[in-house]
Amino acid sequence: MPAIDDYIIDVLMRDLVGHDRRPVSFLVYLWLAAAHARTGATVQVSFQEMAESVGVSKSSAQAAVRWLIRRKLLTASKANATSIPSYRVMMPWREGSRRGR
């Protein structure tokens, strides 16, 4: 099973929890990153399922996803207006390191 990137724990946790004061955003990101690492694909999940999996309210999960999208740590797409979103976990620290090579 692939390991969670050290950057997520060493840097991102402090940034989201300490600086942004959004611990739920960190929990949602960590949960989605783990799901992405297991499958290697986008993660299709409802807000209700996400909230139950993380242990927070549905509105907290929605707010966390909005914040992560705003921070460009997550992208979301839907087949249509009523479908369940698919999330792509972004890792800009990895993408940035590739550009410098």
C-alpha atoms as a PDB file:
ATOM      1  CA  MET A   1       0.000   0.000   0.000  1.00  0.00           C
ATOM      2  CA  PRO A   2       1.436   3.413  -0.944  1.00  0.00           C
ATOM      3  CA  ALA A   3       2.458   5.653   1.932  1.00  0.00           C
ATOM      4  CA  ILE A   4       1.066   9.121   2.526  1.00  0.00           C
ATOM      5  CA  ASP A   5       3.495  11.782   1.302  1.00  0.00           C
ATOM      6  CA  ASP A   6       5.633  13.150   4.195  1.00  0.00           C
ATOM      7  CA  TYR A   7       4.817  16.708   3.090  1.00  0.00           C
ATOM      8  CA  ILE A   8       1.159  16.196   4.049  1.00  0.00           C
ATOM      9  CA  ILE A   9       2.032  15.530   7.691  1.00  0.00           C
ATOM     10  CA  ASP A  10       5.171  17.660   8.017  1.00  0.00           C
ATOM     11  CA  VAL A  11       3.967  20.847   6.286  1.00  0.00           C
ATOM     12  CA  LEU A  12       0.361  20.769   5.117  1.00  0.00           C
ATOM     13  CA  MET A  13      -1.043  19.791   8.523  1.00  0.00           C
ATOM     14  CA  ARG A  14       0.596  22.780  10.198  1.00  0.00           C
ATOM     15  CA  ASP A  15      -0.540  25.066   7.363  1.00  0.00           C
ATOM     16  CA  LEU A  16      -4.204  24.002   7.335  1.00  0.00           C
ATOM     17  CA  VAL A  17      -4.651  23.424  11.079  1.00  0.00           C
ATOM     18  CA  GLY A  18      -2.392  26.110  12.538  1.00  0.00           C
ATOM     19  CA  HIS A  19      -2.277  28.913   9.989  1.00  0.00           C
ATOM     20  CA  ASP A  20      -5.675  28.577   8.283  1.00  0.00           C
ATOM     21  CA  ARG A  21      -7.404  27.280  11.443  1.00  0.00           C
ATOM     22  CA  ARG A  22      -9.284  24.686   9.392  1.00  0.00           C
ATOM     23  CA  PRO A  23      -8.591  21.302  10.958  1.00  0.00           C
ATOM     24  CA  VAL A  24     -11.560  19.693   9.183  1.00  0.00           C
ATOM     25  CA  SER A  25     -10.001  20.677   5.844  1.00  0.00           C
ATOM     26  CA  PHE A  26      -6.872  18.773   6.828  1.00  0.00           C
ATOM     27  CA  LEU A  27      -8.894  15.706   7.859  1.00  0.00           C
ATOM     28  CA  VAL A  28     -10.867  15.748   4.593  1.00  0.00           C
ATOM     29  CA  TYR A  29      -7.667  16.185   2.548  1.00  0.00           C
ATOM     30  CA  LEU A  30      -5.948  13.359   4.434  1.00  0.00           C
ATOM     31  CA  TRP A  31      -8.932  11.036   3.950  1.00  0.00           C
ATOM     32  CA  LEU A  32      -9.198  11.844   0.227  1.00  0.00           C
ATOM     33  CA  ALA A  33      -5.415  11.489  -0.240  1.00  0.00           C
ATOM     34  CA  ALA A  34      -5.513   8.048   1.387  1.00  0.00           C
ATOM     35  CA  ALA A  35      -8.466   6.989  -0.784  1.00  0.00           C
ATOM     36  CA  HIS A  36      -6.644   8.284  -3.863  1.00  0.00           C
ATOM     37  CA  ALA A  37      -3.449   6.433  -2.862  1.00  0.00           C
ATOM     38  CA  ARG A  38      -5.374   3.158  -2.503  1.00  0.00           C
ATOM     39  CA  THR A  39      -7.138   3.396  -5.870  1.00  0.00           C
ATOM     40  CA  GLY A  40      -4.818   5.580  -7.934  1.00  0.00           C
ATOM     41  CA  ALA A  41      -7.888   7.302  -9.368  1.00  0.00           C
ATOM     42  CA  THR A  42     -10.218  10.171  -8.628  1.00  0.00           C
ATOM     43  CA  VAL A  43     -12.439   9.649  -5.601  1.00  0.00           C
ATOM     44  CA  GLN A  44     -16.182   9.765  -6.188  1.00  0.00           C
ATOM     45  CA  VAL A  45     -17.970  10.323  -2.878  1.00  0.00           C
ATOM     46  CA  SER A  46     -21.016  12.174  -1.584  1.00  0.00           C
ATOM     47  CA  PHE A  47     -20.685  14.819   1.121  1.00  0.00           C
ATOM     48  CA  GLN A  48     -22.690  12.592   3.468  1.00  0.00           C
ATOM     49  CA  GLU A  49     -20.378   9.606   2.982  1.00  0.00           C
ATOM     50  CA  MET A  50     -17.308  11.841   3.293  1.00  0.00           C
ATOM     51  CA  ALA A  51     -18.641  13.398   6.506  1.00  0.00           C
ATOM     52  CA  GLU A  52     -19.402  10.009   8.049  1.00  0.00           C
ATOM     53  CA  SER A  53     -15.989   8.649   7.074  1.00  0.00           C
ATOM     54  CA  VAL A  54     -14.124  11.616   8.551  1.00  0.00           C
ATOM     55  CA  GLY A  55     -16.388  11.974  11.594  1.00  0.00           C
ATOM     56  CA  VAL A  56     -17.706  15.490  10.980  1.00  0.00           C
ATOM     57  CA  SER A  57     -20.997  17.072   9.936  1.00  0.00           C
ATOM     58  CA  LYS A  58     -22.024  17.244   6.297  1.00  0.00           C
ATOM     59  CA  SER A  59     -21.840  21.062   6.334  1.00  0.00           C
ATOM     60  CA  SER A  60     -18.300  20.894   7.775  1.00  0.00           C
ATOM     61  CA  ALA A  61     -17.259  18.510   4.995  1.00  0.00           C
ATOM     62  CA  GLN A  62     -18.782  20.855   2.387  1.00  0.00           C
ATOM     63  CA  ALA A  63     -16.957  23.873   3.850  1.00  0.00           C
ATOM     64  CA  ALA A  64     -13.702  21.894   3.943  1.00  0.00           C
ATOM     65  CA  VAL A  65     -14.028  20.896   0.284  1.00  0.00           C
ATOM     66  CA  ARG A  66     -14.720  24.521  -0.702  1.00  0.00           C
ATOM     67  CA  TRP A  67     -11.586  25.617   1.195  1.00  0.00           C
ATOM     68  CA  LEU A  68      -9.419  22.895  -0.357  1.00  0.00           C
ATOM     69  CA  ILE A  69     -10.611  23.824  -3.845  1.00  0.00           C
ATOM     70  CA  ARG A  70      -9.885  27.477  -3.100  1.00  0.00           C
ATOM     71  CA  ARG A  71      -6.363  26.523  -1.924  1.00  0.00           C
ATOM     72  CA  LYS A  72      -5.925  24.458  -5.133  1.00  0.00           C
ATOM     73  CA  LEU A  73      -5.384  21.278  -3.128  1.00  0.00           C
ATOM     74  CA  LEU A  74      -8.452  19.624  -4.635  1.00  0.00           C
ATOM     75  CA  THR A  75     -10.442  19.735  -7.850  1.00  0.00           C
ATOM     76  CA  ALA A  76     -14.010  18.546  -8.212  1.00  0.00           C
ATOM     77  CA  SER A  77     -15.996  17.562 -11.267  1.00  0.00           C
ATOM     78  CA  LYS A  78     -19.520  16.308 -11.875  1.00  0.00           C
ATOM     79  CA  ALA A  79     -21.084  14.561 -14.862  1.00  0.00           C
ATOM     80  CA  ASN A  80     -24.193  16.712 -14.353  1.00  0.00           C
ATOM     81  CA  ALA A  81     -25.713  19.021 -11.744  1.00  0.00           C
ATOM     82  CA  THR A  82     -27.195  16.215  -9.625  1.00  0.00           C
ATOM     83  CA  SER A  83     -24.407  13.628  -9.816  1.00  0.00           C
ATOM     84  CA  ILE A  84     -21.976  12.754  -7.026  1.00  0.00           C
ATOM     85  CA  PRO A  85     -18.724  14.724  -7.405  1.00  0.00           C
ATOM     86  CA  SER A  86     -15.390  13.146  -8.268  1.00  0.00           C
ATOM     87  CA  TYR A  87     -12.399  14.641  -6.467  1.00  0.00           C
ATOM     88  CA  ARG A  88      -8.836  14.798  -7.664  1.00  0.00           C
ATOM     89  CA  VAL A  89      -6.255  15.303  -4.936  1.00  0.00           C
ATOM     90  CA  MET A  90      -3.710  17.902  -6.005  1.00  0.00           C
ATOM     91  CA  MET A  91      -0.127  17.866  -4.736  1.00  0.00           C
ATOM     92  CA  PRO A  92       1.374  21.141  -5.945  1.00  0.00           C
ATOM     93  CA  TRP A  93       4.634  20.514  -4.062  1.00  0.00           C
ATOM     94  CA  ARG A  94       5.266  17.511  -6.315  1.00  0.00           C
ATOM     95  CA  GLU A  95       4.148  19.263  -9.488  1.00  0.00           C
ATOM     96  CA  GLY A  96       6.377  22.247  -8.715  1.00  0.00           C
ATOM     97  CA  SER A  97       9.430  20.053  -8.237  1.00  0.00           C
ATOM     98  CA  ARG A  98       8.939  18.504 -11.673  1.00  0.00           C
ATOM     99  CA  ARG A  99       8.934  21.876 -13.407  1.00  0.00           C
ATOM    100  CA  GLY A 100      12.386  22.673 -12.059  1.00  0.00           C
ATOM    101  CA  ARG A 101      13.944  19.566 -13.630  1.00  0.00           C
END
